[in-house]
């Protein structure tokens, strides 16, 4: 979605989409998806209202911080994957996950763990992300017990 963009450029796409939404302007292309995802995360709305201070901020997981841009970007990636059924079979796993965890947002959060695992392994092993890692994790999630 944001290939070839640096952090500032990527974040600016988020800020521009949110501004257009707040001002009632028509949303273009990926802006529609960005706004849909941001609307499901009211905890980040104030961040988008304060674009200047958020634009260059770093987030440190070791300090317990979640990077909101990464989090929202993973939601967007999953939405795009679902729309294309890529990797192939992802939609079927998503339907099965929804049977166990009927809240769509929660189901996507669970899928994010699998997406994150695939990306983490690729980084650790200095290889391209392996779809099989992702799909195997989704299969375990789809077939495993529902968590409350």
N, C-alpha and C. Protein backbone atom coordinates (compact mmCIF):
# COMPACT_ATOMS: atom_id res chain seq x y z
N UNK A 1 0.82 -1.19 0.00
CA UNK A 1 0.00 0.00 0.00
C UNK A 1 0.86 1.26 0.00
N UNK A 2 1.91 1.29 0.83
CA UNK A 2 2.74 2.48 0.94
C UNK A 2 4.18 2.19 0.52
N UNK A 3 4.36 1.22 -0.35
CA UNK A 3 5.71 0.83 -0.76
C UNK A 3 6.46 2.03 -1.33
N UNK A 4 7.71 2.15 -0.94
CA UNK A 4 8.55 3.20 -1.46
C UNK A 4 8.41 4.53 -0.74
N UNK A 5 7.53 4.61 0.24
CA UNK A 5 7.36 5.86 0.97
C UNK A 5 8.14 5.79 2.27
N UNK A 6 8.66 6.94 2.70
CA UNK A 6 9.29 6.96 4.00
C UNK A 6 8.23 7.17 5.08
N UNK A 7 8.64 7.10 6.31
CA UNK A 7 7.71 7.19 7.43
C UNK A 7 6.88 8.46 7.38
N UNK A 8 7.50 9.60 7.10
CA UNK A 8 6.78 10.87 7.05
C UNK A 8 5.74 10.89 5.95
N UNK A 9 6.09 10.38 4.79
CA UNK A 9 5.14 10.34 3.67
C UNK A 9 3.95 9.43 3.99
N UNK A 10 4.25 8.30 4.59
CA UNK A 10 3.19 7.36 4.95
C UNK A 10 2.25 7.98 5.96
N UNK A 11 2.80 8.59 6.99
CA UNK A 11 1.98 9.22 8.01
C UNK A 11 1.16 10.36 7.43
N UNK A 12 1.72 11.08 6.49
CA UNK A 12 0.99 12.20 5.88
C UNK A 12 -0.26 11.70 5.14
N UNK A 13 -0.21 10.52 4.57
CA UNK A 13 -1.39 9.95 3.91
C UNK A 13 -2.51 9.76 4.94
N UNK A 14 -2.15 9.28 6.13
CA UNK A 14 -3.13 9.12 7.21
C UNK A 14 -3.71 10.47 7.62
N UNK A 15 -2.83 11.44 7.86
CA UNK A 15 -3.28 12.76 8.29
C UNK A 15 -4.17 13.43 7.24
N UNK A 16 -3.79 13.32 5.98
CA UNK A 16 -4.56 13.93 4.89
C UNK A 16 -5.95 13.30 4.80
N UNK A 17 -6.02 11.98 4.94
CA UNK A 17 -7.31 11.29 4.89
C UNK A 17 -8.20 11.73 6.05
N UNK A 18 -7.63 11.81 7.24
CA UNK A 18 -8.42 12.21 8.42
C UNK A 18 -8.91 13.65 8.28
N UNK A 19 -8.02 14.54 7.80
CA UNK A 19 -8.43 15.94 7.58
C UNK A 19 -9.59 16.02 6.60
N UNK A 20 -9.48 15.30 5.50
CA UNK A 20 -10.55 15.32 4.49
C UNK A 20 -11.86 14.83 5.10
N UNK A 21 -11.78 13.78 5.90
CA UNK A 21 -12.98 13.26 6.57
C UNK A 21 -13.57 14.31 7.51
N UNK A 22 -12.74 14.92 8.34
CA UNK A 22 -13.22 15.91 9.32
C UNK A 22 -13.81 17.14 8.64
N UNK A 23 -13.28 17.48 7.47
CA UNK A 23 -13.76 18.65 6.74
C UNK A 23 -14.91 18.32 5.78
N UNK A 24 -15.29 17.05 5.74
CA UNK A 24 -16.41 16.64 4.90
C UNK A 24 -16.09 16.62 3.41
N UNK A 25 -14.80 16.59 3.09
CA UNK A 25 -14.40 16.52 1.68
C UNK A 25 -14.47 15.08 1.19
N UNK A 26 -14.64 14.89 -0.11
CA UNK A 26 -14.66 13.52 -0.65
C UNK A 26 -13.32 12.83 -0.42
N UNK A 27 -13.39 11.56 -0.10
CA UNK A 27 -12.18 10.77 0.12
C UNK A 27 -11.78 10.09 -1.18
N UNK A 28 -10.49 10.05 -1.42
CA UNK A 28 -9.95 9.49 -2.66
C UNK A 28 -9.23 8.18 -2.37
N UNK A 29 -9.44 7.18 -3.21
CA UNK A 29 -8.68 5.92 -3.14
C UNK A 29 -8.58 5.33 -1.76
N UNK A 30 -7.35 5.13 -1.31
CA UNK A 30 -7.08 4.47 -0.04
C UNK A 30 -7.54 5.30 1.16
N UNK A 31 -7.79 6.59 0.95
CA UNK A 31 -8.26 7.43 2.05
C UNK A 31 -9.55 6.87 2.66
N UNK A 32 -10.43 6.31 1.84
CA UNK A 32 -11.68 5.74 2.34
C UNK A 32 -11.40 4.62 3.34
N UNK A 33 -10.48 3.75 2.97
CA UNK A 33 -10.13 2.63 3.85
C UNK A 33 -9.43 3.12 5.11
N UNK A 34 -8.56 4.09 4.98
CA UNK A 34 -7.87 4.64 6.15
C UNK A 34 -8.89 5.20 7.13
N UNK A 35 -9.83 5.98 6.65
CA UNK A 35 -10.83 6.59 7.54
C UNK A 35 -11.70 5.52 8.19
N UNK A 36 -12.11 4.50 7.43
CA UNK A 36 -12.90 3.41 8.02
C UNK A 36 -12.15 2.76 9.19
N UNK A 37 -10.86 2.52 8.99
CA UNK A 37 -10.07 1.87 10.03
C UNK A 37 -9.86 2.82 11.22
N UNK A 38 -9.56 4.08 10.96
CA UNK A 38 -9.36 5.04 12.06
C UNK A 38 -10.65 5.21 12.86
N UNK A 39 -11.79 5.21 12.19
CA UNK A 39 -13.06 5.36 12.91
C UNK A 39 -13.31 4.21 13.89
N UNK A 40 -12.76 3.05 13.61
CA UNK A 40 -12.90 1.91 14.53
C UNK A 40 -11.93 2.00 15.69
N UNK A 41 -11.09 3.03 15.71
CA UNK A 41 -10.08 3.20 16.76
C UNK A 41 -10.19 4.59 17.38
N UNK A 42 -11.22 4.83 18.17
CA UNK A 42 -11.38 6.17 18.77
C UNK A 42 -10.20 6.57 19.66
N UNK A 43 -9.46 5.59 20.14
CA UNK A 43 -8.30 5.91 20.98
C UNK A 43 -7.21 6.66 20.20
N UNK A 44 -7.29 6.65 18.87
CA UNK A 44 -6.29 7.34 18.06
C UNK A 44 -6.80 8.65 17.46
N UNK A 45 -8.06 8.98 17.67
CA UNK A 45 -8.61 10.19 17.05
C UNK A 45 -7.85 11.44 17.47
N UNK A 46 -7.50 11.56 18.73
CA UNK A 46 -6.79 12.76 19.18
C UNK A 46 -5.41 12.86 18.53
N UNK A 47 -4.79 11.72 18.26
CA UNK A 47 -3.51 11.71 17.56
C UNK A 47 -3.64 12.39 16.20
N UNK A 48 -4.71 12.10 15.51
CA UNK A 48 -4.91 12.67 14.17
C UNK A 48 -5.34 14.13 14.23
N UNK A 49 -5.84 14.54 15.36
CA UNK A 49 -6.18 15.96 15.53
C UNK A 49 -4.92 16.79 15.82
N UNK A 50 -3.85 16.13 16.23
CA UNK A 50 -2.60 16.81 16.58
C UNK A 50 -1.48 16.33 15.66
N UNK A 51 -1.70 16.45 14.37
CA UNK A 51 -0.78 15.90 13.38
C UNK A 51 0.66 16.40 13.56
N UNK A 52 0.82 17.67 13.86
CA UNK A 52 2.19 18.22 13.96
C UNK A 52 3.02 17.51 15.02
N UNK A 53 2.44 17.28 16.18
CA UNK A 53 3.21 16.63 17.25
C UNK A 53 3.36 15.13 17.01
N UNK A 54 2.46 14.53 16.26
CA UNK A 54 2.50 13.08 16.01
C UNK A 54 3.34 12.71 14.80
N UNK A 55 3.56 13.65 13.92
CA UNK A 55 4.21 13.36 12.63
C UNK A 55 5.57 12.67 12.80
N UNK A 56 6.38 13.12 13.73
CA UNK A 56 7.74 12.57 13.87
C UNK A 56 7.94 11.75 15.15
N UNK A 57 6.87 11.52 15.87
CA UNK A 57 7.00 10.80 17.15
C UNK A 57 7.42 9.36 16.93
N UNK A 58 8.28 8.89 17.81
CA UNK A 58 8.69 7.49 17.81
C UNK A 58 7.87 6.74 18.85
N UNK A 59 7.66 5.47 18.61
CA UNK A 59 6.92 4.61 19.54
C UNK A 59 7.84 3.43 19.88
N UNK A 60 7.94 3.14 21.17
CA UNK A 60 8.88 2.13 21.62
C UNK A 60 8.14 0.96 22.27
N UNK A 61 8.05 -0.17 21.58
CA UNK A 61 7.36 -1.34 22.14
C UNK A 61 7.97 -1.80 23.46
N UNK A 62 9.29 -1.63 23.60
CA UNK A 62 9.93 -2.05 24.85
C UNK A 62 9.47 -1.21 26.04
N UNK A 63 8.85 -0.07 25.74
CA UNK A 63 8.27 0.77 26.79
C UNK A 63 6.76 0.57 26.89
N UNK A 64 6.26 -0.43 26.19
CA UNK A 64 4.83 -0.73 26.23
C UNK A 64 4.00 0.12 25.30
N UNK A 65 4.64 0.83 24.37
CA UNK A 65 3.90 1.68 23.44
C UNK A 65 3.54 0.91 22.18
N UNK A 66 2.33 1.17 21.69
CA UNK A 66 1.91 0.63 20.41
C UNK A 66 2.05 1.73 19.38
N UNK A 67 2.64 1.40 18.25
CA UNK A 67 2.74 2.36 17.17
C UNK A 67 1.39 2.40 16.46
N UNK A 68 0.64 3.49 16.59
CA UNK A 68 -0.70 3.53 15.99
C UNK A 68 -0.67 3.42 14.47
N UNK A 69 0.37 3.91 13.84
CA UNK A 69 0.45 3.84 12.38
C UNK A 69 0.69 2.41 11.92
N UNK A 70 1.51 1.69 12.66
CA UNK A 70 1.72 0.27 12.36
C UNK A 70 0.44 -0.51 12.60
N UNK A 71 -0.20 -0.25 13.71
CA UNK A 71 -1.44 -0.96 14.05
C UNK A 71 -2.50 -0.73 12.97
N UNK A 72 -2.73 0.52 12.64
CA UNK A 72 -3.74 0.84 11.62
C UNK A 72 -3.32 0.31 10.26
N UNK A 73 -2.03 0.38 9.97
CA UNK A 73 -1.52 -0.14 8.70
C UNK A 73 -1.75 -1.64 8.57
N UNK A 74 -1.63 -2.36 9.68
CA UNK A 74 -1.88 -3.81 9.63
C UNK A 74 -3.37 -4.09 9.39
N UNK A 75 -4.24 -3.29 9.99
CA UNK A 75 -5.67 -3.42 9.70
C UNK A 75 -5.92 -3.19 8.20
N UNK A 76 -5.30 -2.16 7.66
CA UNK A 76 -5.49 -1.84 6.25
C UNK A 76 -4.96 -2.98 5.38
N UNK A 77 -3.79 -3.51 5.73
CA UNK A 77 -3.24 -4.63 4.97
C UNK A 77 -4.20 -5.82 4.99
N UNK A 78 -4.76 -6.12 6.15
CA UNK A 78 -5.69 -7.25 6.24
C UNK A 78 -6.94 -6.98 5.42
N UNK A 79 -7.46 -5.75 5.48
CA UNK A 79 -8.64 -5.41 4.66
C UNK A 79 -8.33 -5.60 3.17
N UNK A 80 -7.17 -5.15 2.75
CA UNK A 80 -6.79 -5.31 1.34
C UNK A 80 -6.60 -6.78 0.98
N UNK A 81 -5.98 -7.55 1.88
CA UNK A 81 -5.80 -8.98 1.63
C UNK A 81 -7.15 -9.68 1.50
N UNK A 82 -8.08 -9.32 2.37
CA UNK A 82 -9.41 -9.93 2.32
C UNK A 82 -10.13 -9.58 1.01
N UNK A 83 -9.98 -8.35 0.55
CA UNK A 83 -10.67 -7.94 -0.68
C UNK A 83 -10.14 -8.71 -1.89
N UNK A 84 -8.90 -9.14 -1.83
CA UNK A 84 -8.27 -9.85 -2.95
C UNK A 84 -8.16 -11.36 -2.72
N UNK A 85 -8.46 -11.81 -1.51
CA UNK A 85 -8.20 -13.18 -1.08
C UNK A 85 -6.74 -13.55 -1.33
N UNK A 86 -5.87 -12.66 -0.90
CA UNK A 86 -4.43 -12.88 -1.04
C UNK A 86 -3.78 -12.78 0.32
N UNK A 87 -3.01 -13.75 0.73
CA UNK A 87 -2.75 -14.98 0.01
C UNK A 87 -4.01 -15.83 -0.14
N UNK A 88 -4.03 -16.60 -1.19
CA UNK A 88 -5.21 -17.40 -1.52
C UNK A 88 -5.59 -18.28 -0.33
N UNK A 89 -6.88 -18.24 0.00
CA UNK A 89 -7.39 -19.01 1.13
C UNK A 89 -7.60 -18.18 2.38
N UNK A 90 -7.08 -16.96 2.38
CA UNK A 90 -7.19 -16.09 3.55
C UNK A 90 -8.65 -15.82 3.92
N UNK A 91 -9.49 -15.59 2.93
CA UNK A 91 -10.91 -15.31 3.21
C UNK A 91 -11.59 -16.47 3.92
N UNK A 92 -11.27 -17.69 3.49
CA UNK A 92 -11.87 -18.87 4.15
C UNK A 92 -11.44 -18.94 5.61
N UNK A 93 -10.16 -18.70 5.87
CA UNK A 93 -9.70 -18.69 7.26
C UNK A 93 -10.39 -17.58 8.04
N UNK A 94 -10.56 -16.42 7.43
CA UNK A 94 -11.23 -15.30 8.09
C UNK A 94 -12.66 -15.69 8.48
N UNK A 95 -13.39 -16.32 7.57
CA UNK A 95 -14.77 -16.76 7.89
C UNK A 95 -14.77 -17.72 9.07
N UNK A 96 -13.83 -18.64 9.09
CA UNK A 96 -13.75 -19.61 10.19
C UNK A 96 -13.37 -18.91 11.50
N UNK A 97 -12.48 -17.95 11.41
CA UNK A 97 -12.10 -17.19 12.61
C UNK A 97 -13.31 -16.42 13.14
N UNK A 98 -14.11 -15.86 12.22
CA UNK A 98 -15.31 -15.13 12.64
C UNK A 98 -16.33 -16.05 13.31
N UNK A 99 -16.37 -17.32 12.95
CA UNK A 99 -17.26 -18.26 13.62
C UNK A 99 -16.86 -18.42 15.09
N UNK A 100 -15.58 -18.36 15.36
CA UNK A 100 -15.07 -18.52 16.72
C UNK A 100 -15.03 -17.20 17.48
N UNK A 101 -14.80 -16.11 16.74
CA UNK A 101 -14.67 -14.78 17.33
C UNK A 101 -15.51 -13.83 16.47
N UNK A 102 -16.82 -13.74 16.74
CA UNK A 102 -17.73 -13.03 15.83
C UNK A 102 -17.51 -11.53 15.67
N UNK A 103 -16.79 -10.90 16.55
CA UNK A 103 -16.52 -9.48 16.39
C UNK A 103 -15.43 -9.30 15.32
N UNK A 104 -15.76 -8.61 14.22
CA UNK A 104 -14.82 -8.47 13.10
C UNK A 104 -13.52 -7.78 13.52
N UNK A 105 -13.64 -6.77 14.35
CA UNK A 105 -12.45 -6.05 14.79
C UNK A 105 -11.54 -6.98 15.59
N UNK A 106 -12.10 -7.72 16.51
CA UNK A 106 -11.32 -8.66 17.32
C UNK A 106 -10.72 -9.75 16.44
N UNK A 107 -11.48 -10.23 15.48
CA UNK A 107 -10.96 -11.25 14.57
C UNK A 107 -9.74 -10.71 13.82
N UNK A 108 -9.81 -9.46 13.38
CA UNK A 108 -8.66 -8.88 12.68
C UNK A 108 -7.47 -8.71 13.62
N UNK A 109 -7.72 -8.38 14.86
CA UNK A 109 -6.62 -8.27 15.81
C UNK A 109 -5.93 -9.62 15.98
N UNK A 110 -6.68 -10.67 15.99
CA UNK A 110 -6.09 -12.00 16.10
C UNK A 110 -5.29 -12.33 14.83
N UNK A 111 -5.83 -11.94 13.68
CA UNK A 111 -5.11 -12.16 12.42
C UNK A 111 -3.81 -11.36 12.39
N UNK A 112 -3.82 -10.18 13.01
CA UNK A 112 -2.61 -9.35 13.07
C UNK A 112 -1.47 -10.07 13.75
N UNK A 113 -1.80 -10.88 14.74
CA UNK A 113 -0.76 -11.64 15.42
C UNK A 113 -0.06 -12.56 14.44
N UNK A 114 -0.83 -13.16 13.53
CA UNK A 114 -0.26 -14.04 12.52
C UNK A 114 0.55 -13.25 11.50
N UNK A 115 0.02 -12.13 11.07
CA UNK A 115 0.74 -11.28 10.13
C UNK A 115 2.05 -10.80 10.76
N UNK A 116 1.97 -10.39 12.02
CA UNK A 116 3.16 -9.96 12.74
C UNK A 116 4.19 -11.06 12.89
N UNK A 117 3.71 -12.27 13.15
CA UNK A 117 4.63 -13.41 13.27
C UNK A 117 5.37 -13.63 11.96
N UNK A 118 4.64 -13.58 10.84
CA UNK A 118 5.27 -13.77 9.54
C UNK A 118 6.34 -12.70 9.30
N UNK A 119 6.01 -11.45 9.59
CA UNK A 119 6.95 -10.35 9.37
C UNK A 119 8.14 -10.44 10.33
N UNK A 120 7.90 -10.82 11.57
CA UNK A 120 8.97 -10.96 12.55
C UNK A 120 9.95 -12.05 12.11
N UNK A 121 9.40 -13.19 11.68
CA UNK A 121 10.28 -14.28 11.22
C UNK A 121 11.11 -13.85 10.02
N UNK A 122 10.49 -13.16 9.09
CA UNK A 122 11.21 -12.71 7.90
C UNK A 122 12.36 -11.78 8.31
N UNK A 123 12.10 -10.89 9.25
CA UNK A 123 13.15 -10.00 9.71
C UNK A 123 14.25 -10.74 10.44
N UNK A 124 13.87 -11.66 11.28
CA UNK A 124 14.86 -12.42 12.05
C UNK A 124 15.73 -13.27 11.14
N UNK A 125 15.10 -13.85 10.11
CA UNK A 125 15.83 -14.75 9.21
C UNK A 125 16.38 -14.03 7.98
N UNK A 126 16.14 -12.73 7.88
CA UNK A 126 16.60 -11.92 6.74
C UNK A 126 16.14 -12.54 5.41
N UNK A 127 14.85 -12.89 5.37
CA UNK A 127 14.26 -13.47 4.17
C UNK A 127 12.99 -12.69 3.83
N UNK A 128 12.45 -12.98 2.68
CA UNK A 128 11.15 -12.41 2.31
C UNK A 128 10.08 -13.05 3.19
N UNK A 129 9.01 -12.32 3.49
CA UNK A 129 7.91 -12.91 4.26
C UNK A 129 7.36 -14.15 3.55
N UNK A 130 7.12 -15.19 4.33
CA UNK A 130 6.64 -16.46 3.78
C UNK A 130 5.14 -16.60 4.03
N UNK A 131 4.36 -16.62 2.95
CA UNK A 131 2.91 -16.76 3.09
C UNK A 131 2.53 -18.01 3.86
N UNK A 132 3.31 -19.08 3.72
CA UNK A 132 2.96 -20.32 4.42
C UNK A 132 2.96 -20.12 5.93
N UNK A 133 3.88 -19.31 6.44
CA UNK A 133 3.92 -19.02 7.88
C UNK A 133 2.62 -18.34 8.30
N UNK A 134 2.21 -17.39 7.51
CA UNK A 134 0.97 -16.64 7.77
C UNK A 134 -0.23 -17.56 7.72
N UNK A 135 -0.34 -18.33 6.65
CA UNK A 135 -1.51 -19.20 6.48
C UNK A 135 -1.56 -20.31 7.53
N UNK A 136 -0.41 -20.85 7.91
CA UNK A 136 -0.39 -21.88 8.95
C UNK A 136 -0.86 -21.31 10.29
N UNK A 137 -0.45 -20.10 10.59
CA UNK A 137 -0.88 -19.44 11.82
C UNK A 137 -2.39 -19.18 11.77
N UNK A 138 -2.89 -18.71 10.63
CA UNK A 138 -4.34 -18.48 10.48
C UNK A 138 -5.12 -19.78 10.62
N UNK A 139 -4.57 -20.86 10.09
CA UNK A 139 -5.24 -22.15 10.20
C UNK A 139 -5.34 -22.56 11.67
N UNK A 140 -4.25 -22.40 12.42
CA UNK A 140 -4.29 -22.74 13.85
C UNK A 140 -5.33 -21.88 14.56
N UNK A 141 -5.40 -20.62 14.21
CA UNK A 141 -6.35 -19.70 14.81
C UNK A 141 -7.79 -20.10 14.45
N UNK A 142 -8.00 -20.49 13.21
CA UNK A 142 -9.33 -20.86 12.74
C UNK A 142 -9.81 -22.16 13.35
N UNK A 143 -8.90 -23.05 13.63
CA UNK A 143 -9.27 -24.39 14.12
C UNK A 143 -9.14 -24.53 15.62
N UNK A 144 -8.46 -23.58 16.25
CA UNK A 144 -8.23 -23.68 17.69
C UNK A 144 -9.45 -23.27 18.48
N UNK A 145 -9.37 -23.41 19.80
CA UNK A 145 -10.52 -23.03 20.64
C UNK A 145 -10.73 -21.53 20.66
N UNK A 146 -11.96 -21.15 20.75
CA UNK A 146 -12.30 -19.74 20.89
C UNK A 146 -11.83 -19.26 22.25
N UNK A 147 -11.25 -18.07 22.27
CA UNK A 147 -10.82 -17.48 23.54
C UNK A 147 -11.85 -16.45 23.95
N UNK A 148 -12.10 -16.37 25.22
CA UNK A 148 -13.07 -15.37 25.68
C UNK A 148 -12.41 -14.10 26.10
